[in-house]
């Protein structure tokens, strides 16, 4: 089931990332996350990720890598991407992902509670080991708080 998500009125980001199987990328990003598919070839496919353009590029398994960095006491995958939503959307996504049996790298929780930049966050991997982060700020004006 492909969902058409709201398109932001501000500049959109473009992100390319590696996958090892385009059919599985279509199942995960298209069917599971509800990202509409755009252009594609035998080696890549575009998706509408909450109004932003992400591109899955097919690569060999040896080209996939791991690295983490400590943030709020948790090992955050360094190479990751995601989306900042409002809290109600985030809560709905967290419930949907839990109901689907998603294995979280970092379970849904609130980091930096009571501090500038307080945010709800969760991380999980796509079928190729790419880390995705979904987050929602208590106050969106704190997105770039120092």
Protein backbone atom coordinates (compact mmCIF):
# COMPACT_ATOMS: atom_id res chain seq x y z
CA UNK A 1 0.00 0.00 0.00
CA UNK A 2 1.62 3.25 -1.11
CA UNK A 3 0.69 6.34 0.86
CA UNK A 4 1.13 9.85 -0.42
CA UNK A 5 2.60 11.87 2.41
CA UNK A 6 2.44 15.65 2.84
CA UNK A 7 4.96 17.53 0.73
CA UNK A 8 6.86 20.26 2.58
CA UNK A 9 6.79 23.77 1.15
CA UNK A 10 10.45 24.37 2.05
CA UNK A 11 13.57 23.12 0.26
CA UNK A 12 13.80 19.35 0.13
CA UNK A 13 16.83 17.19 0.72
CA UNK A 14 18.18 14.54 -1.62
CA UNK A 15 19.94 11.51 -0.19
CA UNK A 16 21.41 8.51 -1.97
CA UNK A 17 22.17 5.34 -0.02
CA UNK A 18 23.28 1.77 -0.72
CA UNK A 19 21.05 -1.30 -0.86
CA UNK A 20 21.81 -4.82 -2.06
CA UNK A 21 18.38 -5.68 -3.51
CA UNK A 22 16.04 -3.22 -5.28
CA UNK A 23 12.98 -5.47 -4.98
CA UNK A 24 13.45 -5.61 -1.21
CA UNK A 25 14.02 -1.82 -1.18
CA UNK A 26 10.69 -1.39 -2.96
CA UNK A 27 8.96 -3.64 -0.40
CA UNK A 28 10.48 -1.81 2.57
CA UNK A 29 10.38 1.82 1.44
CA UNK A 30 7.37 1.56 -0.88
CA UNK A 31 5.08 -0.93 0.83
CA UNK A 32 6.12 -0.83 4.51
CA UNK A 33 6.99 2.87 4.91
CA UNK A 34 4.48 4.02 2.28
CA UNK A 35 6.94 6.02 0.16
CA UNK A 36 5.70 6.67 -3.38
CA UNK A 37 8.14 5.49 -6.03
CA UNK A 38 9.57 7.91 -8.56
CA UNK A 39 11.99 7.27 -11.40
CA UNK A 40 14.10 4.13 -11.48
CA UNK A 41 16.55 2.05 -13.47
CA UNK A 42 18.04 -1.41 -13.13
CA UNK A 43 20.49 0.02 -10.58
CA UNK A 44 18.53 2.59 -8.54
CA UNK A 45 15.05 3.75 -7.50
CA UNK A 46 13.77 7.12 -6.22
CA UNK A 47 11.31 7.33 -3.32
CA UNK A 48 9.26 10.18 -1.84
CA UNK A 49 10.36 10.10 1.82
CA UNK A 50 8.01 12.55 3.57
CA UNK A 51 8.36 14.98 0.67
CA UNK A 52 12.11 14.46 0.27
CA UNK A 53 13.91 12.53 -2.44
CA UNK A 54 15.83 9.46 -1.38
CA UNK A 55 17.50 7.15 -3.87
CA UNK A 56 18.33 3.50 -3.22
CA UNK A 57 21.39 2.48 -5.27
CA UNK A 58 22.13 -1.23 -5.71
CA UNK A 59 25.64 -2.19 -4.56
CA UNK A 60 27.47 -5.36 -3.58
CA UNK A 61 27.32 -6.55 0.03
CA UNK A 62 31.00 -5.69 0.55
CA UNK A 63 30.20 -2.00 0.02
CA UNK A 64 27.93 -1.78 3.10
CA UNK A 65 29.66 -0.52 6.34
CA UNK A 66 29.00 0.17 10.06
CA UNK A 67 30.10 2.85 12.54
CA UNK A 68 28.51 4.24 15.72
CA UNK A 69 28.86 7.34 17.91
CA UNK A 70 27.69 7.85 21.51
CA UNK A 71 24.73 10.25 21.79
CA UNK A 72 22.86 10.54 25.10
CA UNK A 73 24.55 7.30 26.20
CA UNK A 74 23.35 5.29 23.17
CA UNK A 75 25.38 3.90 20.26
CA UNK A 76 23.86 5.84 17.35
CA UNK A 77 24.63 4.56 13.85
CA UNK A 78 26.78 7.29 12.27
CA UNK A 79 25.48 6.75 8.74
CA UNK A 80 21.75 7.29 9.08
CA UNK A 81 18.96 9.42 7.74
CA UNK A 82 15.42 10.11 8.78
CA UNK A 83 12.69 12.62 9.22
CA UNK A 84 11.55 15.10 11.86
CA UNK A 85 7.79 14.88 12.36
CA UNK A 86 5.31 16.38 14.81
CA UNK A 87 4.87 14.39 18.04
CA UNK A 88 1.46 12.93 17.14
CA UNK A 89 2.86 11.54 13.86
CA UNK A 90 5.93 10.19 15.68
CA UNK A 91 3.75 8.46 18.31
CA UNK A 92 1.67 6.88 15.54
CA UNK A 93 4.77 5.69 13.68
CA UNK A 94 6.31 4.27 16.86
CA UNK A 95 3.12 2.31 17.57
CA UNK A 96 2.91 1.09 13.96
CA UNK A 97 6.55 -0.01 13.93
CA UNK A 98 6.16 -1.81 17.29
CA UNK A 99 2.99 -3.54 16.05
CA UNK A 100 4.89 -4.65 12.93
CA UNK A 101 7.58 -6.24 15.10
CA UNK A 102 10.36 -3.87 14.05
CA UNK A 103 13.65 -4.68 15.77
CA UNK A 104 14.87 -1.30 16.99
CA UNK A 105 18.53 -0.32 17.16
CA UNK A 106 17.41 2.32 19.66
CA UNK A 107 13.91 1.84 21.08
CA UNK A 108 11.54 4.83 20.93
CA UNK A 109 12.30 7.21 23.80
CA UNK A 110 12.75 10.90 24.66
CA UNK A 111 16.36 12.12 24.67
CA UNK A 112 17.67 15.31 26.28
CA UNK A 113 14.53 15.48 28.43
CA UNK A 114 14.10 18.96 29.93
CA UNK A 115 17.10 20.29 27.97
CA UNK A 116 17.35 22.41 24.82
CA UNK A 117 16.65 20.14 21.86
CA UNK A 118 14.47 17.65 23.77
CA UNK A 119 13.28 15.11 21.23
CA UNK A 120 11.52 11.80 20.84
CA UNK A 121 13.66 9.46 18.73
CA UNK A 122 13.91 5.89 17.49
CA UNK A 123 16.28 4.05 15.17
CA UNK A 124 15.93 0.86 13.17
CA UNK A 125 17.57 -0.69 10.14
CA UNK A 126 16.18 -1.19 6.67
CA UNK A 127 16.68 -4.67 5.18
CA UNK A 128 20.17 -3.62 3.97
CA UNK A 129 21.56 -2.34 7.28
CA UNK A 130 20.93 1.37 6.59
CA UNK A 131 19.88 3.09 9.80
CA UNK A 132 16.77 5.28 9.82
CA UNK A 133 15.94 7.78 12.56
CA UNK A 134 12.48 9.17 13.18
CA UNK A 135 12.31 12.07 15.62
CA UNK A 136 9.95 14.73 16.96
CA UNK A 137 10.96 17.78 18.98
CA UNK A 138 9.07 18.97 22.05
CA UNK A 139 9.57 22.45 20.54
CA UNK A 140 10.39 22.49 16.79
CA UNK A 141 12.10 25.85 17.29
CA UNK A 142 14.78 23.88 19.19
CA UNK A 143 15.72 21.87 16.07
CA UNK A 144 19.12 23.62 15.88
CA UNK A 145 19.46 24.47 19.59
CA UNK A 146 22.99 24.60 20.99
